[in-house]
């Protein structure tokens, strides 16, 4: 189990805009025998079967949309939220990395289920109290580990894309972008 994302994983692209929500559950089919919540609760996601992306949200420049798509043929489980650290890509010292606040009071199912061919959404706001402009920062990248149970080598690194970093907030995985934004707005707890 990982405690924080680290550098050294694969690099990702952070260009593009946020797409709409994908909230539909799969309909019954021959392959849906292993495409349900109960299967996902007992089968954690394999990082090699996921596509992780970070994109700047066009409505508020300090927000980034984290998408995790399950490219596998069965459902799988993620932790409640991705592990995120905002750091400097040139620094070997990760002790100065910034970890966002997360929603408190977590409980419920053992994992967040992601159906085959579907996407989980989480929103990161780098500076909820700011406008996205401000003093230059030495922070240059967003390090994302899709699930806490994955090895640190599965961490993906995305360029920060400029702007200021205040007290960032991260929401839980949700089935749609609007729900992910609402979850992020309730973040009030430091990560362990």
Protein backbone atom coordinates (compact mmCIF):
# COMPACT_ATOMS: atom_id res chain seq x y z
CA UNK A 1 0.00 0.00 0.00
CA UNK A 2 1.35 3.40 -0.93
CA UNK A 3 1.49 6.38 1.35
CA UNK A 4 2.05 9.13 -1.20
CA UNK A 5 2.68 9.39 -4.89
CA UNK A 6 6.31 9.68 -5.88
CA UNK A 7 8.28 10.68 -8.90
CA UNK A 8 9.59 8.12 -11.28
CA UNK A 9 6.33 6.86 -12.69
CA UNK A 10 5.24 7.61 -16.20
CA UNK A 11 4.66 11.10 -17.47
CA UNK A 12 1.28 12.18 -18.73
CA UNK A 13 -0.17 14.96 -20.79
CA UNK A 14 -2.15 17.73 -19.17
CA UNK A 15 -3.62 19.38 -22.22
CA UNK A 16 -7.24 19.56 -23.31
CA UNK A 17 -10.47 20.47 -21.64
CA UNK A 18 -12.77 18.65 -19.28
CA UNK A 19 -15.36 16.42 -20.88
CA UNK A 20 -18.87 15.72 -19.69
CA UNK A 21 -19.86 13.19 -17.06
CA UNK A 22 -20.16 9.48 -17.70
CA UNK A 23 -22.72 8.40 -15.15
CA UNK A 24 -24.45 5.50 -16.88
CA UNK A 25 -23.97 2.04 -15.48
CA UNK A 26 -23.45 -0.72 -18.01
CA UNK A 27 -26.52 -2.55 -19.21
CA UNK A 28 -26.79 -6.31 -19.02
CA UNK A 29 -24.58 -8.17 -21.46
CA UNK A 30 -22.63 -11.37 -21.77
CA UNK A 31 -19.56 -9.75 -20.23
CA UNK A 32 -21.40 -8.07 -17.33
CA UNK A 33 -21.01 -11.09 -15.03
CA UNK A 34 -17.89 -9.42 -13.63
CA UNK A 35 -18.93 -5.84 -14.21
CA UNK A 36 -20.68 -4.90 -10.99
CA UNK A 37 -20.00 -3.36 -7.59
CA UNK A 38 -19.48 -6.61 -5.70
CA UNK A 39 -16.85 -7.77 -8.18
CA UNK A 40 -15.07 -4.40 -7.97
CA UNK A 41 -15.03 -4.55 -4.15
CA UNK A 42 -12.95 -7.73 -4.26
CA UNK A 43 -10.86 -6.99 -7.38
CA UNK A 44 -8.72 -3.89 -7.15
CA UNK A 45 -7.78 -2.07 -10.34
CA UNK A 46 -4.61 -3.07 -12.16
CA UNK A 47 -2.68 0.10 -13.08
CA UNK A 48 -1.82 -1.38 -16.50
CA UNK A 49 -5.54 -1.43 -17.36
CA UNK A 50 -6.17 2.21 -16.46
CA UNK A 51 -5.72 5.48 -18.32
CA UNK A 52 -5.10 8.43 -16.00
CA UNK A 53 -5.32 12.01 -17.29
CA UNK A 54 -5.21 15.45 -15.72
CA UNK A 55 -6.76 18.37 -17.61
CA UNK A 56 -7.29 22.01 -16.76
CA UNK A 57 -10.97 22.79 -16.29
CA UNK A 58 -12.01 25.67 -18.51
CA UNK A 59 -14.53 27.24 -16.11
CA UNK A 60 -12.12 27.85 -13.19
CA UNK A 61 -8.40 27.95 -14.08
CA UNK A 62 -7.19 26.67 -10.69
CA UNK A 63 -9.11 23.40 -11.09
CA UNK A 64 -7.82 20.21 -12.63
CA UNK A 65 -9.99 17.26 -13.62
CA UNK A 66 -8.44 13.88 -12.87
CA UNK A 67 -9.95 11.10 -14.96
CA UNK A 68 -9.29 7.40 -14.48
CA UNK A 69 -10.68 5.17 -17.23
CA UNK A 70 -10.98 1.41 -16.78
CA UNK A 71 -9.78 -0.15 -20.04
CA UNK A 72 -10.22 -3.68 -18.68
CA UNK A 73 -13.07 -6.08 -19.44
CA UNK A 74 -14.35 -6.26 -15.84
CA UNK A 75 -15.14 -3.81 -13.08
CA UNK A 76 -12.43 -3.02 -10.55
CA UNK A 77 -12.05 -1.04 -7.35
CA UNK A 78 -10.15 2.15 -6.63
CA UNK A 79 -9.55 3.82 -3.26
CA UNK A 80 -12.01 6.63 -2.47
CA UNK A 81 -9.71 9.24 -4.03
CA UNK A 82 -6.44 9.34 -5.96
CA UNK A 83 -3.25 10.05 -4.05
CA UNK A 84 -2.03 13.44 -5.23
CA UNK A 85 1.13 15.38 -4.44
CA UNK A 86 2.10 18.70 -6.01
CA UNK A 87 5.86 18.98 -6.27
CA UNK A 88 8.91 20.16 -8.16
CA UNK A 89 9.96 17.81 -10.94
CA UNK A 90 13.63 18.82 -10.47
CA UNK A 91 13.75 18.11 -6.73
CA UNK A 92 14.76 14.79 -5.22
CA UNK A 93 13.44 16.06 -1.85
CA UNK A 94 9.73 15.35 -1.74
CA UNK A 95 9.29 16.61 1.81
CA UNK A 96 8.17 19.98 0.43
CA UNK A 97 5.48 18.45 -1.81
CA UNK A 98 2.01 19.79 -1.13
CA UNK A 99 -0.80 17.33 -0.47
CA UNK A 100 -4.37 18.56 -0.89
CA UNK A 101 -7.11 18.46 1.71
CA UNK A 102 -9.65 15.67 1.22
CA UNK A 103 -13.25 15.21 2.41
CA UNK A 104 -13.46 13.87 5.97
CA UNK A 105 -15.65 11.17 7.48
CA UNK A 106 -14.94 8.54 4.86
CA UNK A 107 -16.73 5.24 5.23
CA UNK A 108 -18.90 2.90 3.27
CA UNK A 109 -18.03 0.37 0.58
CA UNK A 110 -14.50 -1.07 0.52
CA UNK A 111 -13.67 0.56 -2.83
CA UNK A 112 -14.93 2.94 -5.49
CA UNK A 113 -16.17 0.70 -8.35
CA UNK A 114 -15.22 1.54 -11.93
CA UNK A 115 -17.03 -0.48 -14.57
CA UNK A 116 -15.31 -1.75 -17.70
CA UNK A 117 -15.03 1.05 -20.23
CA UNK A 118 -16.13 3.70 -17.72
CA UNK A 119 -14.38 6.66 -16.12
CA UNK A 120 -14.05 7.87 -12.52
CA UNK A 121 -13.68 11.63 -11.97
CA UNK A 122 -11.96 13.58 -9.19
CA UNK A 123 -11.39 17.33 -9.05
CA UNK A 124 -8.31 19.06 -7.66
CA UNK A 125 -8.44 22.80 -6.96
CA UNK A 126 -4.89 24.13 -6.65
CA UNK A 127 -5.91 27.41 -5.03
CA UNK A 128 -9.59 27.45 -3.97
CA UNK A 129 -9.31 30.96 -2.52
CA UNK A 130 -7.38 32.45 -5.41
CA UNK A 131 -7.80 33.33 -9.01
CA UNK A 132 -5.09 31.12 -10.46
CA UNK A 133 -2.62 33.95 -10.75
CA UNK A 134 -0.15 35.06 -8.16
CA UNK A 135 3.48 34.75 -7.24
CA UNK A 136 5.56 32.24 -9.16
CA UNK A 137 5.80 28.85 -7.54
CA UNK A 138 8.62 26.31 -7.52
CA UNK A 139 5.99 23.59 -7.86
CA UNK A 140 5.94 22.25 -11.41
CA UNK A 141 4.03 18.97 -11.45
CA UNK A 142 1.03 17.05 -10.19
CA UNK A 143 1.87 13.48 -9.20
CA UNK A 144 -1.12 11.14 -9.31
CA UNK A 145 -1.41 7.59 -8.05
CA UNK A 146 -4.86 6.33 -9.10
CA UNK A 147 -5.39 4.20 -5.98
CA UNK A 148 -3.75 3.83 -2.57
CA UNK A 149 -3.19 0.08 -3.05
CA UNK A 150 -1.00 0.56 -6.14
CA UNK A 151 2.80 0.56 -6.09
CA UNK A 152 4.52 3.96 -6.21
CA UNK A 153 5.93 3.00 -9.62
CA UNK A 154 2.37 3.44 -10.99
CA UNK A 155 2.49 7.17 -10.15
CA UNK A 156 1.99 9.38 -13.17
CA UNK A 157 3.40 12.89 -13.42
CA UNK A 158 1.59 15.78 -15.11
CA UNK A 159 2.82 19.35 -15.65
CA UNK A 160 1.27 21.85 -13.27
CA UNK A 161 0.65 24.26 -16.11
CA UNK A 162 1.38 27.49 -14.23
CA UNK A 163 -0.69 29.39 -11.72
CA UNK A 164 -0.40 29.64 -7.99
CA UNK A 165 -0.86 26.91 -5.41
CA UNK A 166 -2.61 27.83 -2.17
CA UNK A 167 -4.27 25.26 0.09
CA UNK A 168 -5.35 22.74 -2.53
CA UNK A 169 -8.47 20.60 -2.18
CA UNK A 170 -9.17 17.19 -3.72
CA UNK A 171 -12.55 15.50 -3.99
CA UNK A 172 -13.51 11.86 -3.97
CA UNK A 173 -13.96 9.78 -7.09
CA UNK A 174 -17.40 10.31 -8.57
CA UNK A 175 -19.31 9.14 -11.66
CA UNK A 176 -19.73 12.69 -12.99
CA UNK A 177 -17.83 15.97 -13.07
CA UNK A 178 -20.46 18.00 -11.18
CA UNK A 179 -20.46 15.51 -8.30
CA UNK A 180 -16.65 15.52 -8.28
CA UNK A 181 -16.65 19.33 -7.98
CA UNK A 182 -19.15 19.18 -5.10
CA UNK A 183 -17.01 16.58 -3.33
CA UNK A 184 -13.89 18.72 -3.70
CA UNK A 185 -15.67 21.75 -2.24
CA UNK A 186 -16.25 19.74 0.96
CA UNK A 187 -12.58 18.83 1.42
CA UNK A 188 -11.49 19.79 4.94
CA UNK A 189 -9.17 17.04 6.20
CA UNK A 190 -5.41 16.60 5.86
CA UNK A 191 -4.29 13.37 4.20
CA UNK A 192 -2.73 10.80 6.52
